């Protein structure tokens, strides 16, 4: 088993496709339509700008994957850059081996990075992340750049969390200044 952290600009297309197949197998309801490999490569490349891709590879297969990326947001304390976390997934046949914790820890190990000291993300499984030193936050999350519904929550999962849990986090509204991830 091998863990790799690669800036998206240097990820070979074959590896991009393997990760994209895993993402689509993890969330089939979000990818109901069949896609060509060219469309899958485009989706991978365009999903989040300036991302670092965290891979777990075993026998030439991507069995774990996550993306982390800098993201400007605004809070009651002003503008700041956080680390976003998304597309966290593990091959269903490989679950129970600690691979989810391994791939997420790869992303968290980027902190601190320059002025970035916090990771902000959404999840449906907060208990998993609480074991990794994360905590729930109750801020209102918005996207002021959404012209139709600027006050709507751009996240789709029920729980919003930060890492590390000890970090001082502001109260009030958090504006993602873009789509959810």
Protein backbone atom coordinates (compact mmCIF):
# COMPACT_ATOMS: atom_id res chain seq x y z
CA UNK A 1 0.00 0.00 0.00
CA UNK A 2 1.30 3.43 -0.95
CA UNK A 3 0.11 6.93 0.02
CA UNK A 4 0.75 9.77 -2.42
CA UNK A 5 0.07 13.50 -2.21
CA UNK A 6 0.22 15.19 -5.59
CA UNK A 7 -0.66 18.67 -6.80
CA UNK A 8 -3.41 18.20 -9.38
CA UNK A 9 -1.23 19.66 -12.14
CA UNK A 10 1.15 16.67 -11.96
CA UNK A 11 -1.36 13.84 -11.51
CA UNK A 12 -1.14 11.45 -14.49
CA UNK A 13 -4.42 11.11 -16.37
CA UNK A 14 -4.54 7.36 -15.69
CA UNK A 15 -4.47 8.09 -11.95
CA UNK A 16 -7.10 10.85 -12.36
CA UNK A 17 -9.42 8.33 -14.00
CA UNK A 18 -8.89 5.76 -11.26
CA UNK A 19 -9.77 8.36 -8.63
CA UNK A 20 -12.77 9.57 -10.61
CA UNK A 21 -14.10 6.00 -10.95
CA UNK A 22 -13.82 5.62 -7.16
CA UNK A 23 -15.61 8.94 -6.57
CA UNK A 24 -18.44 7.93 -8.90
CA UNK A 25 -18.74 4.49 -7.28
CA UNK A 26 -18.96 6.15 -3.86
CA UNK A 27 -21.70 8.62 -4.88
CA UNK A 28 -23.59 6.91 -7.74
CA UNK A 29 -26.69 9.06 -7.17
CA UNK A 30 -24.67 12.19 -8.00
CA UNK A 31 -23.31 10.63 -11.19
CA UNK A 32 -26.33 8.85 -12.60
CA UNK A 33 -25.49 9.65 -16.20
CA UNK A 34 -22.79 7.62 -17.94
CA UNK A 35 -19.71 9.72 -18.71
CA UNK A 36 -16.94 9.27 -21.24
CA UNK A 37 -13.37 9.15 -20.00
CA UNK A 38 -12.84 12.63 -21.48
CA UNK A 39 -15.80 13.94 -19.45
CA UNK A 40 -14.49 12.20 -16.34
CA UNK A 41 -11.05 13.78 -16.81
CA UNK A 42 -12.67 17.18 -17.25
CA UNK A 43 -14.72 16.67 -14.08
CA UNK A 44 -11.62 15.69 -12.13
CA UNK A 45 -9.59 18.64 -13.38
CA UNK A 46 -12.32 21.22 -12.84
CA UNK A 47 -13.80 20.09 -9.51
CA UNK A 48 -11.67 22.25 -7.23
CA UNK A 49 -8.93 24.59 -8.34
CA UNK A 50 -5.40 24.36 -6.95
CA UNK A 51 -6.08 21.09 -5.16
CA UNK A 52 -3.70 18.57 -3.70
CA UNK A 53 -4.85 15.03 -4.42
CA UNK A 54 -4.37 12.46 -1.66
CA UNK A 55 -4.23 8.90 -2.93
CA UNK A 56 -3.98 5.50 -1.33
CA UNK A 57 -2.88 3.01 -3.95
CA UNK A 58 -2.67 -0.76 -3.64
CA UNK A 59 -1.80 -3.11 -6.48
CA UNK A 60 -2.17 -0.28 -9.02
CA UNK A 61 -5.70 0.51 -7.80
CA UNK A 62 -6.85 3.72 -6.06
CA UNK A 63 -8.53 2.44 -2.90
CA UNK A 64 -8.66 5.75 -1.03
CA UNK A 65 -8.86 9.35 -2.16
CA UNK A 66 -9.42 12.91 -0.93
CA UNK A 67 -8.84 16.44 -2.17
CA UNK A 68 -7.65 19.43 -0.16
CA UNK A 69 -7.44 22.98 -1.43
CA UNK A 70 -7.13 26.57 -0.24
CA UNK A 71 -10.40 28.49 -0.15
CA UNK A 72 -11.06 32.13 0.66
CA UNK A 73 -14.06 32.68 2.92
CA UNK A 74 -15.44 35.55 4.96
CA UNK A 75 -16.38 35.36 8.62
CA UNK A 76 -17.41 37.81 11.33
CA UNK A 77 -13.65 38.35 11.80
CA UNK A 78 -13.09 39.21 8.14
CA UNK A 79 -11.63 37.37 5.16
CA UNK A 80 -9.42 34.35 5.68
CA UNK A 81 -8.17 31.36 3.75
CA UNK A 82 -9.00 27.89 4.99
CA UNK A 83 -8.19 24.44 3.72
CA UNK A 84 -11.18 22.79 2.09
CA UNK A 85 -11.61 19.01 2.18
CA UNK A 86 -13.69 17.10 -0.32
CA UNK A 87 -14.24 13.93 -2.31
CA UNK A 88 -13.18 11.76 0.64
CA UNK A 89 -13.80 8.16 -0.32
CA UNK A 90 -12.60 4.61 0.22
CA UNK A 91 -13.31 1.58 -1.95
CA UNK A 92 -16.22 -0.24 -0.29
CA UNK A 93 -14.32 -3.55 -0.40
CA UNK A 94 -11.46 -1.93 1.53
CA UNK A 95 -13.41 -0.27 4.35
CA UNK A 96 -12.55 -1.15 7.93
CA UNK A 97 -8.79 -1.00 7.33
CA UNK A 98 -8.30 2.58 8.57
CA UNK A 99 -7.87 3.93 5.04
CA UNK A 100 -10.37 6.76 5.52
CA UNK A 101 -8.43 8.02 8.53
CA UNK A 102 -5.19 7.66 6.59
CA UNK A 103 -6.32 9.66 3.55
CA UNK A 104 -7.93 12.40 5.66
CA UNK A 105 -4.84 12.65 7.87
CA UNK A 106 -2.78 13.15 4.72
CA UNK A 107 -4.88 16.24 3.99
CA UNK A 108 -4.84 17.50 7.59
CA UNK A 109 -1.05 17.14 7.69
CA UNK A 110 -0.84 20.08 5.27
CA UNK A 111 -1.70 22.37 8.21
CA UNK A 112 -0.39 24.82 9.06
CA UNK A 113 0.49 26.00 5.56
CA UNK A 114 1.37 29.66 5.28
CA UNK A 115 -1.53 31.60 6.76
CA UNK A 116 -3.87 28.58 6.57
CA UNK A 117 -4.43 26.99 9.98
CA UNK A 118 -7.92 25.48 9.70
CA UNK A 119 -9.72 22.93 7.56
CA UNK A 120 -13.46 23.53 6.99
CA UNK A 121 -15.62 20.79 5.48
CA UNK A 122 -19.01 19.08 5.39
CA UNK A 123 -19.75 15.47 6.23
CA UNK A 124 -22.49 12.96 6.87
CA UNK A 125 -20.35 11.04 9.39
CA UNK A 126 -19.22 13.44 12.15
CA UNK A 127 -18.32 10.61 14.55
CA UNK A 128 -15.57 9.51 12.17
CA UNK A 129 -14.03 12.99 12.07
CA UNK A 130 -14.38 13.59 15.82
CA UNK A 131 -11.90 10.72 16.29
CA UNK A 132 -9.46 12.70 14.09
CA UNK A 133 -9.49 15.85 16.27
CA UNK A 134 -12.32 17.65 14.45
CA UNK A 135 -15.36 19.38 15.90
CA UNK A 136 -18.79 20.39 14.73
CA UNK A 137 -19.58 24.06 14.16
CA UNK A 138 -23.03 25.64 14.06
CA UNK A 139 -22.38 28.64 11.83
CA UNK A 140 -24.79 29.63 9.09
CA UNK A 141 -23.04 28.77 5.81
CA UNK A 142 -23.88 30.85 2.72
CA UNK A 143 -22.60 31.66 -0.76
CA UNK A 144 -23.09 35.37 -1.43
CA UNK A 145 -22.00 34.80 -5.04
CA UNK A 146 -25.10 32.69 -5.72
CA UNK A 147 -27.28 35.27 -7.48
CA UNK A 148 -30.49 33.26 -7.10
CA UNK A 149 -30.17 32.20 -3.43
CA UNK A 150 -27.25 33.97 -1.74
CA UNK A 151 -28.44 32.95 1.75
CA UNK A 152 -28.91 29.26 0.88
CA UNK A 153 -26.49 26.78 2.37
CA UNK A 154 -24.16 25.63 -0.46
CA UNK A 155 -23.24 22.47 1.46
CA UNK A 156 -25.44 19.38 1.08
CA UNK A 157 -24.34 17.24 4.04
CA UNK A 158 -25.90 17.74 7.45
CA UNK A 159 -22.75 18.45 9.46
CA UNK A 160 -20.11 21.16 9.13
CA UNK A 161 -16.80 20.59 10.89
CA UNK A 162 -13.38 22.11 11.40
CA UNK A 163 -9.93 20.73 12.06
CA UNK A 164 -8.22 21.08 14.45
CA UNK A 165 -10.90 21.24 17.11
CA UNK A 166 -8.74 23.48 19.34
CA UNK A 167 -8.63 26.34 16.82
CA UNK A 168 -10.42 29.57 17.70
CA UNK A 169 -13.38 29.74 15.32
CA UNK A 170 -15.66 32.79 14.84
CA UNK A 171 -19.37 32.85 15.59
CA UNK A 172 -21.88 34.01 12.99
CA UNK A 173 -22.22 33.65 9.25
CA UNK A 174 -19.57 31.97 7.10
CA UNK A 175 -19.60 32.97 3.44
CA UNK A 176 -17.92 30.38 1.23
CA UNK A 177 -17.72 32.91 -1.61
CA UNK A 178 -18.53 30.09 -4.01
CA UNK A 179 -20.14 26.69 -4.41
CA UNK A 180 -20.05 24.00 -1.75
CA UNK A 181 -17.43 21.31 -1.88
